[in-house]
N, C-alpha and C. Protein backbone atom coordinates (compact mmCIF):
# COMPACT_ATOMS: atom_id res chain seq x y z
N MET A 1 13.99 -38.28 -70.14
CA MET A 1 13.45 -36.94 -70.10
C MET A 1 11.92 -37.02 -70.07
N THR A 2 11.31 -36.13 -69.29
CA THR A 2 9.86 -36.15 -69.15
C THR A 2 9.23 -35.13 -70.08
N ASP A 3 7.99 -35.38 -70.44
CA ASP A 3 7.30 -34.42 -71.30
C ASP A 3 6.64 -33.33 -70.46
N SER A 4 6.11 -32.30 -71.09
CA SER A 4 5.57 -31.15 -70.37
C SER A 4 4.31 -31.49 -69.59
N LYS A 5 3.54 -32.51 -70.00
CA LYS A 5 2.34 -32.86 -69.26
C LYS A 5 2.67 -33.42 -67.89
N SER A 6 3.75 -34.20 -67.77
CA SER A 6 4.11 -34.73 -66.47
C SER A 6 4.78 -33.66 -65.62
N LYS A 7 5.33 -32.63 -66.22
CA LYS A 7 5.94 -31.55 -65.45
C LYS A 7 4.88 -30.69 -64.76
N ASN A 8 3.65 -30.70 -65.24
CA ASN A 8 2.60 -29.93 -64.60
C ASN A 8 2.25 -30.46 -63.22
N ALA A 9 2.63 -31.69 -62.93
CA ALA A 9 2.32 -32.28 -61.64
C ALA A 9 3.22 -31.72 -60.54
N GLY A 10 4.26 -31.03 -60.87
CA GLY A 10 5.20 -30.47 -59.91
C GLY A 10 6.60 -30.61 -60.45
N GLY A 11 7.46 -29.71 -60.10
CA GLY A 11 8.81 -29.77 -60.61
C GLY A 11 9.70 -28.81 -59.86
N THR A 12 10.80 -28.48 -60.46
CA THR A 12 11.73 -27.57 -59.81
C THR A 12 11.33 -26.12 -60.07
N CYS A 13 11.75 -25.26 -59.19
CA CYS A 13 11.43 -23.84 -59.33
C CYS A 13 12.04 -23.24 -60.59
N ASP A 14 13.17 -23.79 -61.04
CA ASP A 14 13.85 -23.25 -62.21
C ASP A 14 12.97 -23.25 -63.46
N SER A 15 12.07 -24.20 -63.57
CA SER A 15 11.23 -24.28 -64.77
C SER A 15 9.81 -23.78 -64.53
N CYS A 16 9.57 -23.12 -63.39
CA CYS A 16 8.23 -22.64 -63.06
C CYS A 16 8.01 -21.23 -63.61
N ILE A 17 6.79 -20.95 -64.01
CA ILE A 17 6.45 -19.64 -64.56
C ILE A 17 6.48 -18.54 -63.49
N HIS A 18 6.33 -18.93 -62.23
CA HIS A 18 6.31 -17.96 -61.13
C HIS A 18 7.70 -17.61 -60.62
N TYR A 19 8.73 -18.29 -61.10
CA TYR A 19 10.11 -18.07 -60.66
C TYR A 19 10.71 -17.00 -61.56
N ILE A 20 10.80 -15.77 -61.04
CA ILE A 20 11.22 -14.63 -61.85
C ILE A 20 12.47 -13.98 -61.28
N TYR A 21 13.14 -13.21 -62.10
CA TYR A 21 14.33 -12.49 -61.67
C TYR A 21 13.92 -11.17 -61.03
N ASP A 22 14.33 -10.96 -59.80
CA ASP A 22 14.03 -9.73 -59.07
C ASP A 22 15.21 -8.78 -59.21
N GLU A 23 15.03 -7.69 -59.93
CA GLU A 23 16.12 -6.75 -60.19
C GLU A 23 16.52 -5.97 -58.95
N ASP A 24 15.62 -5.84 -57.98
CA ASP A 24 15.96 -5.13 -56.74
C ASP A 24 16.94 -5.93 -55.90
N PHE A 25 16.74 -7.25 -55.81
CA PHE A 25 17.60 -8.11 -55.00
C PHE A 25 18.66 -8.83 -55.83
N LEU A 26 18.61 -8.70 -57.16
CA LEU A 26 19.55 -9.31 -58.08
C LEU A 26 19.62 -10.83 -57.94
N CYS A 27 18.46 -11.45 -57.81
CA CYS A 27 18.39 -12.91 -57.74
C CYS A 27 17.00 -13.36 -58.18
N TYR A 28 16.84 -14.66 -58.35
CA TYR A 28 15.55 -15.23 -58.73
C TYR A 28 14.72 -15.49 -57.47
N THR A 29 13.43 -15.20 -57.55
CA THR A 29 12.52 -15.42 -56.43
C THR A 29 11.19 -15.94 -56.96
N CYS A 30 10.41 -16.50 -56.04
CA CYS A 30 9.08 -16.96 -56.38
C CYS A 30 8.13 -15.77 -56.30
N ASP A 31 7.35 -15.57 -57.34
CA ASP A 31 6.47 -14.41 -57.45
C ASP A 31 5.10 -14.65 -56.82
N LEU A 32 4.86 -15.82 -56.26
CA LEU A 32 3.57 -16.12 -55.66
C LEU A 32 3.40 -15.39 -54.34
N ASN A 33 2.18 -15.04 -54.05
CA ASN A 33 1.86 -14.37 -52.80
C ASN A 33 1.18 -15.39 -51.89
N MET A 34 2.00 -16.21 -51.19
CA MET A 34 1.47 -17.25 -50.32
C MET A 34 1.21 -16.67 -48.93
N ASP A 35 0.19 -17.21 -48.26
CA ASP A 35 -0.03 -16.80 -46.88
C ASP A 35 0.93 -17.58 -45.98
N GLN A 36 0.95 -17.26 -44.72
CA GLN A 36 1.92 -17.84 -43.80
C GLN A 36 1.73 -19.36 -43.65
N ASP A 37 0.50 -19.83 -43.62
CA ASP A 37 0.25 -21.26 -43.48
C ASP A 37 0.75 -22.05 -44.69
N GLU A 38 0.50 -21.53 -45.89
CA GLU A 38 0.97 -22.20 -47.10
C GLU A 38 2.49 -22.24 -47.15
N MET A 39 3.13 -21.14 -46.82
CA MET A 39 4.59 -21.07 -46.86
C MET A 39 5.21 -21.99 -45.81
N THR A 40 4.62 -22.03 -44.64
CA THR A 40 5.15 -22.89 -43.58
C THR A 40 5.05 -24.36 -43.97
N SER A 41 3.90 -24.79 -44.48
CA SER A 41 3.74 -26.19 -44.86
C SER A 41 4.66 -26.56 -46.02
N TYR A 42 4.90 -25.63 -46.93
CA TYR A 42 5.78 -25.91 -48.07
C TYR A 42 7.24 -25.97 -47.65
N THR A 43 7.69 -25.08 -46.78
CA THR A 43 9.09 -25.05 -46.39
C THR A 43 9.45 -26.12 -45.38
N GLN A 44 8.50 -26.64 -44.62
CA GLN A 44 8.80 -27.69 -43.65
C GLN A 44 9.08 -29.03 -44.32
N ASN A 45 8.53 -29.24 -45.49
CA ASN A 45 8.76 -30.48 -46.22
C ASN A 45 9.35 -30.13 -47.58
N PRO A 46 10.69 -30.10 -47.69
CA PRO A 46 11.32 -29.67 -48.95
C PRO A 46 11.09 -30.62 -50.12
N TYR A 47 10.65 -31.86 -49.87
CA TYR A 47 10.44 -32.81 -50.95
C TYR A 47 9.01 -32.81 -51.45
N ARG A 48 8.16 -31.99 -50.85
CA ARG A 48 6.77 -31.89 -51.28
C ARG A 48 6.70 -31.10 -52.58
N LYS A 49 5.82 -31.50 -53.46
CA LYS A 49 5.65 -30.79 -54.73
C LYS A 49 4.85 -29.52 -54.49
N CYS A 50 5.24 -28.46 -55.15
CA CYS A 50 4.56 -27.18 -55.01
C CYS A 50 3.19 -27.25 -55.70
N PRO A 51 2.12 -26.89 -54.99
CA PRO A 51 0.79 -26.95 -55.61
C PRO A 51 0.55 -25.84 -56.63
N PHE A 52 1.42 -24.85 -56.67
CA PHE A 52 1.25 -23.71 -57.58
C PHE A 52 2.17 -23.79 -58.79
N TYR A 53 2.90 -24.88 -58.92
CA TYR A 53 3.86 -25.03 -60.01
C TYR A 53 3.16 -25.02 -61.36
N GLN A 54 3.69 -24.20 -62.28
CA GLN A 54 3.22 -24.19 -63.67
C GLN A 54 4.45 -24.18 -64.56
N PHE A 55 4.52 -25.14 -65.46
CA PHE A 55 5.67 -25.25 -66.35
C PHE A 55 5.76 -24.04 -67.27
N ARG A 56 6.93 -23.44 -67.34
CA ARG A 56 7.16 -22.29 -68.21
C ARG A 56 7.33 -22.79 -69.64
N ASP A 57 6.36 -22.49 -70.47
CA ASP A 57 6.37 -22.94 -71.86
C ASP A 57 6.28 -21.71 -72.75
N GLU A 58 7.43 -21.31 -73.30
CA GLU A 58 7.47 -20.10 -74.12
C GLU A 58 6.72 -20.25 -75.44
N TYR A 59 6.48 -21.47 -75.87
CA TYR A 59 5.89 -21.70 -77.18
C TYR A 59 4.41 -22.03 -77.13
N ILE A 60 3.76 -21.81 -76.00
CA ILE A 60 2.35 -22.17 -75.86
C ILE A 60 1.47 -21.36 -76.82
N ASN A 61 1.76 -20.09 -77.01
CA ASN A 61 0.98 -19.26 -77.94
C ASN A 61 1.21 -19.66 -79.39
N VAL A 62 2.41 -20.09 -79.71
CA VAL A 62 2.70 -20.50 -81.08
C VAL A 62 1.91 -21.74 -81.44
N ARG A 63 1.80 -22.69 -80.51
CA ARG A 63 1.05 -23.90 -80.78
C ARG A 63 -0.43 -23.61 -80.98
N LYS A 64 -0.96 -22.61 -80.31
CA LYS A 64 -2.37 -22.25 -80.46
C LYS A 64 -2.64 -21.66 -81.84
N GLN A 65 -1.65 -21.00 -82.42
CA GLN A 65 -1.82 -20.35 -83.72
C GLN A 65 -1.78 -21.34 -84.88
N ILE A 66 -1.19 -22.48 -84.66
CA ILE A 66 -1.03 -23.48 -85.74
C ILE A 66 -2.30 -24.24 -85.97
């Protein structure tokens, strides 16, 4: 298992902070507003790491308070 610091380098959409549930479409979607060039380069290479990936850490505020 990897720690959260190595997950910041890129990971799956399931653990990304930008991957949210869209109630209109009843599914999870990426909340980023990418332009056409960024989306094309990302979708053409599915093994490329997303440059906008941020690990979803629910306890980040709790650690700051300690």
